[in-house]
């Protein structure tokens, strides 16, 4: 199973969000006006994004450690 690990640092800045679904309408809406299903979906999405970012950070730190050891 292949998981998209995120952009590489040399990618153009406008592509850094590629692969991470963004829902700006959820960020600007009053949360009291959103039903439970939408809130749960948004929380699930954010949890997935957080896991991907943590994984990517770990990959970057490992690569930096490998380069320092060389």
PDB file of N, CA and C in Angstrom:
ATOM      1  N   UNK A   1       0.839  -1.177   0.000  1.00  0.00           N
ATOM      2  CA  UNK A   1       0.000   0.000   0.000  1.00  0.00           C
ATOM      3  C   UNK A   1       0.882   1.237   0.000  1.00  0.00           C
ATOM      4  N   UNK A   2       0.628   2.129  -0.895  1.00  0.00           N
ATOM      5  CA  UNK A   2       1.408   3.353  -1.006  1.00  0.00           C
ATOM      6  C   UNK A   2       0.627   4.517  -0.419  1.00  0.00           C
ATOM      7  N   UNK A   3       1.286   5.291   0.401  1.00  0.00           N
ATOM      8  CA  UNK A   3       0.654   6.461   1.008  1.00  0.00           C
ATOM      9  C   UNK A   3       1.402   7.687   0.545  1.00  0.00           C
ATOM     10  N   UNK A   4       0.656   8.695   0.108  1.00  0.00           N
ATOM     11  CA  UNK A   4       1.288   9.938  -0.319  1.00  0.00           C
ATOM     12  C   UNK A   4       1.937  10.581   0.886  1.00  0.00           C
ATOM     13  N   UNK A   5       3.231  10.824   0.825  1.00  0.00           N
ATOM     14  CA  UNK A   5       3.981  11.334   1.974  1.00  0.00           C
ATOM     15  C   UNK A   5       4.055  12.846   2.014  1.00  0.00           C
ATOM     16  N   UNK A   6       3.524  13.496   1.010  1.00  0.00           N
ATOM     17  CA  UNK A   6       3.556  14.953   1.022  1.00  0.00           C
ATOM     18  C   UNK A   6       4.493  15.492  -0.032  1.00  0.00           C
ATOM     19  N   UNK A   7       4.484  16.781  -0.160  1.00  0.00           N
ATOM     20  CA  UNK A   7       5.321  17.399  -1.183  1.00  0.00           C
ATOM     21  C   UNK A   7       6.787  17.345  -0.793  1.00  0.00           C
ATOM     22  N   UNK A   8       7.644  17.398  -1.792  1.00  0.00           N
ATOM     23  CA  UNK A   8       9.060  17.532  -1.479  1.00  0.00           C
ATOM     24  C   UNK A   8       9.362  19.014  -1.338  1.00  0.00           C
ATOM     25  N   UNK A   9      10.394  19.333  -0.614  1.00  0.00           N
ATOM     26  CA  UNK A   9      10.666  20.725  -0.284  1.00  0.00           C
ATOM     27  C   UNK A   9      10.951  21.583  -1.503  1.00  0.00           C
ATOM     28  N   UNK A  10      11.361  20.965  -2.604  1.00  0.00           N
ATOM     29  CA  UNK A  10      11.641  21.751  -3.798  1.00  0.00           C
ATOM     30  C   UNK A  10      10.393  22.031  -4.633  1.00  0.00           C
ATOM     31  N   UNK A  11       9.242  21.481  -4.232  1.00  0.00           N
ATOM     32  CA  UNK A  11       7.998  21.775  -4.948  1.00  0.00           C
ATOM     33  C   UNK A  11       7.694  23.257  -4.848  1.00  0.00           C
ATOM     34  N   UNK A  12       7.078  23.817  -5.875  1.00  0.00           N
ATOM     35  CA  UNK A  12       6.685  25.229  -5.799  1.00  0.00           C
ATOM     36  C   UNK A  12       5.760  25.462  -4.609  1.00  0.00           C
ATOM     37  N   UNK A  13       5.847  26.622  -3.955  1.00  0.00           N
ATOM     38  CA  UNK A  13       5.060  26.888  -2.751  1.00  0.00           C
ATOM     39  C   UNK A  13       3.561  26.694  -2.930  1.00  0.00           C
ATOM     40  N   UNK A  14       3.036  26.963  -4.113  1.00  0.00           N
ATOM     41  CA  UNK A  14       1.597  26.838  -4.306  1.00  0.00           C
ATOM     42  C   UNK A  14       1.121  25.392  -4.328  1.00  0.00           C
ATOM     43  N   UNK A  15       2.026  24.421  -4.339  1.00  0.00           N
ATOM     44  CA  UNK A  15       1.620  23.017  -4.362  1.00  0.00           C
ATOM     45  C   UNK A  15       1.756  22.356  -3.000  1.00  0.00           C
ATOM     46  N   UNK A  16       2.184  23.088  -1.996  1.00  0.00           N
ATOM     47  CA  UNK A  16       2.419  22.460  -0.695  1.00  0.00           C
ATOM     48  C   UNK A  16       1.155  21.916  -0.048  1.00  0.00           C
ATOM     49  N   UNK A  17      -0.006  22.402  -0.451  1.00  0.00           N
ATOM     50  CA  UNK A  17      -1.248  21.889   0.102  1.00  0.00           C
ATOM     51  C   UNK A  17      -1.800  20.724  -0.718  1.00  0.00           C
ATOM     52  N   UNK A  18      -1.147  20.394  -1.828  1.00  0.00           N
ATOM     53  CA  UNK A  18      -1.633  19.308  -2.674  1.00  0.00           C
ATOM     54  C   UNK A  18      -1.722  18.024  -1.854  1.00  0.00           C
ATOM     55  N   UNK A  19      -2.812  17.312  -1.998  1.00  0.00           N
ATOM     56  CA  UNK A  19      -2.974  16.066  -1.270  1.00  0.00           C
ATOM     57  C   UNK A  19      -3.678  16.244   0.054  1.00  0.00           C
ATOM     58  N   UNK A  20      -3.803  17.450   0.519  1.00  0.00           N
ATOM     59  CA  UNK A  20      -4.523  17.716   1.758  1.00  0.00           C
ATOM     60  C   UNK A  20      -5.794  18.461   1.399  1.00  0.00           C
ATOM     61  N   UNK A  21      -6.905  17.788   1.546  1.00  0.00           N
ATOM     62  CA  UNK A  21      -8.174  18.437   1.228  1.00  0.00           C
ATOM     63  C   UNK A  21      -8.360  19.626   2.155  1.00  0.00           C
ATOM     64  N   UNK A  22      -8.756  20.737   1.583  1.00  0.00           N
ATOM     65  CA  UNK A  22      -8.975  21.937   2.386  1.00  0.00           C
ATOM     66  C   UNK A  22     -10.440  22.300   2.297  1.00  0.00           C
ATOM     67  N   UNK A  23     -11.017  22.657   3.407  1.00  0.00           N
ATOM     68  CA  UNK A  23     -12.415  23.049   3.438  1.00  0.00           C
ATOM     69  C   UNK A  23     -12.535  24.410   4.092  1.00  0.00           C
ATOM     70  N   UNK A  24     -12.214  25.468   3.359  1.00  0.00           N
ATOM     71  CA  UNK A  24     -12.230  26.805   3.957  1.00  0.00           C
ATOM     72  C   UNK A  24     -13.593  27.219   4.476  1.00  0.00           C
ATOM     73  N   UNK A  25     -14.665  26.688   3.869  1.00  0.00           N
ATOM     74  CA  UNK A  25     -15.988  27.071   4.364  1.00  0.00           C
ATOM     75  C   UNK A  25     -16.198  26.611   5.801  1.00  0.00           C
ATOM     76  N   UNK A  26     -15.586  25.486   6.177  1.00  0.00           N
ATOM     77  CA  UNK A  26     -15.720  25.002   7.553  1.00  0.00           C
ATOM     78  C   UNK A  26     -14.958  25.918   8.503  1.00  0.00           C
ATOM     79  N   UNK A  27     -13.854  26.487   8.042  1.00  0.00           N
ATOM     80  CA  UNK A  27     -13.049  27.346   8.901  1.00  0.00           C
ATOM     81  C   UNK A  27     -13.735  28.675   9.175  1.00  0.00           C
ATOM     82  N   UNK A  28     -14.577  29.115   8.272  1.00  0.00           N
ATOM     83  CA  UNK A  28     -15.194  30.428   8.429  1.00  0.00           C
ATOM     84  C   UNK A  28     -16.615  30.355   8.966  1.00  0.00           C
ATOM     85  N   UNK A  29     -17.188  29.168   9.005  1.00  0.00           N
ATOM     86  CA  UNK A  29     -18.561  29.030   9.488  1.00  0.00           C
ATOM     87  C   UNK A  29     -18.588  28.957  11.002  1.00  0.00           C
ATOM     88  N   UNK A  30     -19.672  29.435  11.565  1.00  0.00           N
ATOM     89  CA  UNK A  30     -19.883  29.324  13.000  1.00  0.00           C
ATOM     90  C   UNK A  30     -20.148  27.851  13.315  1.00  0.00           C
ATOM     91  N   UNK A  31     -19.363  27.261  14.196  1.00  0.00           N
ATOM     92  CA  UNK A  31     -19.495  25.833  14.478  1.00  0.00           C
ATOM     93  C   UNK A  31     -20.851  25.471  15.069  1.00  0.00           C
ATOM     94  N   UNK A  32     -21.525  26.408  15.701  1.00  0.00           N
ATOM     95  CA  UNK A  32     -22.848  26.105  16.254  1.00  0.00           C
ATOM     96  C   UNK A  32     -23.878  25.887  15.150  1.00  0.00           C
ATOM     97  N   UNK A  33     -23.592  26.342  13.938  1.00  0.00           N
ATOM     98  CA  UNK A  33     -24.523  26.189  12.820  1.00  0.00           C
ATOM     99  C   UNK A  33     -24.249  24.923  12.009  1.00  0.00           C
ATOM    100  N   UNK A  34     -23.274  24.112  12.428  1.00  0.00           N
ATOM    101  CA  UNK A  34     -22.888  22.911  11.691  1.00  0.00           C
ATOM    102  C   UNK A  34     -23.416  21.693  12.431  1.00  0.00           C
ATOM    103  N   UNK A  35     -23.982  20.735  11.680  1.00  0.00           N
ATOM    104  CA  UNK A  35     -24.520  19.546  12.347  1.00  0.00           C
ATOM    105  C   UNK A  35     -23.404  18.596  12.783  1.00  0.00           C
ATOM    106  N   UNK A  36     -23.768  17.622  13.608  1.00  0.00           N
ATOM    107  CA  UNK A  36     -22.798  16.686  14.176  1.00  0.00           C
ATOM    108  C   UNK A  36     -22.032  15.912  13.109  1.00  0.00           C
ATOM    109  N   UNK A  37     -22.730  15.480  12.068  1.00  0.00           N
ATOM    110  CA  UNK A  37     -22.076  14.689  11.019  1.00  0.00           C
ATOM    111  C   UNK A  37     -20.962  15.491  10.357  1.00  0.00           C
ATOM    112  N   UNK A  38     -21.229  16.745  10.034  1.00  0.00           N
ATOM    113  CA  UNK A  38     -20.197  17.585   9.413  1.00  0.00           C
ATOM    114  C   UNK A  38     -19.026  17.814  10.359  1.00  0.00           C
ATOM    115  N   UNK A  39     -19.312  18.020  11.638  1.00  0.00           N
ATOM    116  CA  UNK A  39     -18.230  18.225  12.608  1.00  0.00           C
ATOM    117  C   UNK A  39     -17.362  16.980  12.728  1.00  0.00           C
ATOM    118  N   UNK A  40     -17.994  15.815  12.753  1.00  0.00           N
ATOM    119  CA  UNK A  40     -17.242  14.562  12.853  1.00  0.00           C
ATOM    120  C   UNK A  40     -16.403  14.343  11.598  1.00  0.00           C
ATOM    121  N   UNK A  41     -16.971  14.640  10.425  1.00  0.00           N
ATOM    122  CA  UNK A  41     -16.206  14.513   9.179  1.00  0.00           C
ATOM    123  C   UNK A  41     -15.003  15.450   9.176  1.00  0.00           C
ATOM    124  N   UNK A  42     -15.200  16.676   9.626  1.00  0.00           N
ATOM    125  CA  UNK A  42     -14.097  17.645   9.669  1.00  0.00           C
ATOM    126  C   UNK A  42     -13.025  17.195  10.659  1.00  0.00           C
ATOM    127  N   UNK A  43     -13.435  16.695  11.815  1.00  0.00           N
ATOM    128  CA  UNK A  43     -12.483  16.201  12.806  1.00  0.00           C
ATOM    129  C   UNK A  43     -11.689  15.023  12.251  1.00  0.00           C
ATOM    130  N   UNK A  44     -12.356  14.122  11.545  1.00  0.00           N
ATOM    131  CA  UNK A  44     -11.678  12.987  10.928  1.00  0.00           C
ATOM    132  C   UNK A  44     -10.657  13.454   9.899  1.00  0.00           C
ATOM    133  N   UNK A  45     -11.046  14.417   9.083  1.00  0.00           N
ATOM    134  CA  UNK A  45     -10.143  14.973   8.077  1.00  0.00           C
ATOM    135  C   UNK A  45      -8.918  15.601   8.732  1.00  0.00           C
ATOM    136  N   UNK A  46      -9.131  16.386   9.764  1.00  0.00           N
ATOM    137  CA  UNK A  46      -8.017  17.045  10.448  1.00  0.00           C
ATOM    138  C   UNK A  46      -7.098  16.031  11.119  1.00  0.00           C
ATOM    139  N   UNK A  47      -7.673  14.969  11.672  1.00  0.00           N
ATOM    140  CA  UNK A  47      -6.873  13.919  12.301  1.00  0.00           C
ATOM    141  C   UNK A  47      -5.987  13.237  11.265  1.00  0.00           C
ATOM    142  N   UNK A  48      -6.551  12.957  10.094  1.00  0.00           N
ATOM    143  CA  UNK A  48      -5.780  12.337   9.013  1.00  0.00           C
ATOM    144  C   UNK A  48      -4.657  13.261   8.554  1.00  0.00           C
ATOM    145  N   UNK A  49      -4.957  14.535   8.390  1.00  0.00           N
ATOM    146  CA  UNK A  49      -3.935  15.496   7.969  1.00  0.00           C
ATOM    147  C   UNK A  49      -2.819  15.587   9.000  1.00  0.00           C
ATOM    148  N   UNK A  50      -3.192  15.587  10.277  1.00  0.00           N
ATOM    149  CA  UNK A  50      -2.196  15.665  11.344  1.00  0.00           C
ATOM    150  C   UNK A  50      -1.274  14.450  11.297  1.00  0.00           C
ATOM    151  N   UNK A  51      -1.841  13.269  11.103  1.00  0.00           N
ATOM    152  CA  UNK A  51      -1.029  12.052  11.026  1.00  0.00           C
ATOM    153  C   UNK A  51      -0.070  12.117   9.839  1.00  0.00           C
ATOM    154  N   UNK A  52      -0.553  12.604   8.703  1.00  0.00           N
ATOM    155  CA  UNK A  52       0.315  12.729   7.525  1.00  0.00           C
ATOM    156  C   UNK A  52       1.442  13.717   7.781  1.00  0.00           C
ATOM    157  N   UNK A  53       1.120  14.836   8.411  1.00  0.00           N
ATOM    158  CA  UNK A  53       2.150  15.844   8.683  1.00  0.00           C
ATOM    159  C   UNK A  53       3.186  15.311   9.663  1.00  0.00           C
ATOM    160  N   UNK A  54       2.743  14.596  10.691  1.00  0.00           N
ATOM    161  CA  UNK A  54       3.691  14.020  11.651  1.00  0.00           C
ATOM    162  C   UNK A  54       4.599  13.002  10.972  1.00  0.00           C
ATOM    163  N   UNK A  55       4.018  12.188  10.106  1.00  0.00           N
ATOM    164  CA  UNK A  55       4.809  11.202   9.377  1.00  0.00           C
ATOM    165  C   UNK A  55       5.838  11.887   8.490  1.00  0.00           C
ATOM    166  N   UNK A  56       5.417  12.930   7.810  1.00  0.00           N
ATOM    167  CA  UNK A  56       6.330  13.683   6.935  1.00  0.00           C
ATOM    168  C   UNK A  56       7.442  14.333   7.749  1.00  0.00           C
ATOM    169  N   UNK A  57       7.108  14.885   8.906  1.00  0.00           N
ATOM    170  CA  UNK A  57       8.122  15.497   9.772  1.00  0.00           C
ATOM    171  C   UNK A  57       9.135  14.451  10.216  1.00  0.00           C
ATOM    172  N   UNK A  58       8.657  13.262  10.566  1.00  0.00           N
ATOM    173  CA  UNK A  58       9.562  12.190  10.982  1.00  0.00           C
ATOM    174  C   UNK A  58      10.489  11.792   9.836  1.00  0.00           C
ATOM    175  N   UNK A  59       9.939  11.720   8.620  1.00  0.00           N
ATOM    176  CA  UNK A  59      10.771  11.401   7.450  1.00  0.00           C
ATOM    177  C   UNK A  59      11.854  12.455   7.238  1.00  0.00           C
ATOM    178  N   UNK A  60      11.485  13.712   7.363  1.00  0.00           N
ATOM    179  CA  UNK A  60      12.446  14.803   7.166  1.00  0.00           C
ATOM    180  C   UNK A  60      13.525  14.768   8.244  1.00  0.00           C
ATOM    181  N   UNK A  61      13.131  14.555   9.496  1.00  0.00           N
ATOM    182  CA  UNK A  61      14.120  14.499  10.581  1.00  0.00           C
ATOM    183  C   UNK A  61      15.064  13.315  10.399  1.00  0.00           C
ATOM    184  N   UNK A  62      14.528  12.176   9.955  1.00  0.00           N
ATOM    185  CA  UNK A  62      15.375  11.007   9.693  1.00  0.00           C
ATOM    186  C   UNK A  62      16.373  11.286   8.582  1.00  0.00           C
ATOM    187  N   UNK A  63      15.912  11.950   7.543  1.00  0.00           N
ATOM    188  CA  UNK A  63      16.808  12.293   6.431  1.00  0.00           C
ATOM    189  C   UNK A  63      17.900  13.248   6.890  1.00  0.00           C
ATOM    190  N   UNK A  64      17.542  14.230   7.706  1.00  0.00           N
ATOM    191  CA  UNK A  64      18.553  15.156   8.225  1.00  0.00           C
ATOM    192  C   UNK A  64      19.566  14.428   9.100  1.00  0.00           C
ATOM    193  N   UNK A  65      19.096  13.516   9.942  1.00  0.00           N
ATOM    194  CA  UNK A  65      20.003  12.722  10.775  1.00  0.00           C
ATOM    195  C   UNK A  65      20.940  11.884   9.908  1.00  0.00           C
ATOM    196  N   UNK A  66      20.380  11.275   8.862  1.00  0.00           N
ATOM    197  CA  UNK A  66      21.193  10.455   7.963  1.00  0.00           C
ATOM    198  C   UNK A  66      22.268  11.300   7.300  1.00  0.00           C
ATOM    199  N   UNK A  67      21.905  12.503   6.872  1.00  0.00           N
ATOM    200  CA  UNK A  67      22.877  13.386   6.213  1.00  0.00           C
ATOM    201  C   UNK A  67      23.959  13.843   7.178  1.00  0.00           C
ATOM    202  N   UNK A  68      23.591  14.116   8.403  1.00  0.00           N
ATOM    203  CA  UNK A  68      24.591  14.546   9.396  1.00  0.00           C
ATOM    204  C   UNK A  68      25.577  13.431   9.707  1.00  0.00           C
ATOM    205  N   UNK A  69      25.082  12.198   9.703  1.00  0.00           N
ATOM    206  CA  UNK A  69      25.933  11.053  10.017  1.00  0.00           C
ATOM    207  C   UNK A  69      26.887  10.713   8.873  1.00  0.00           C
ATOM    208  N   UNK A  70      26.574  11.167   7.675  1.00  0.00           N
ATOM    209  CA  UNK A  70      27.415  10.853   6.497  1.00  0.00           C
ATOM    210  C   UNK A  70      28.699  11.631   6.500  1.00  0.00           C
TER     211      UNK A  70
END
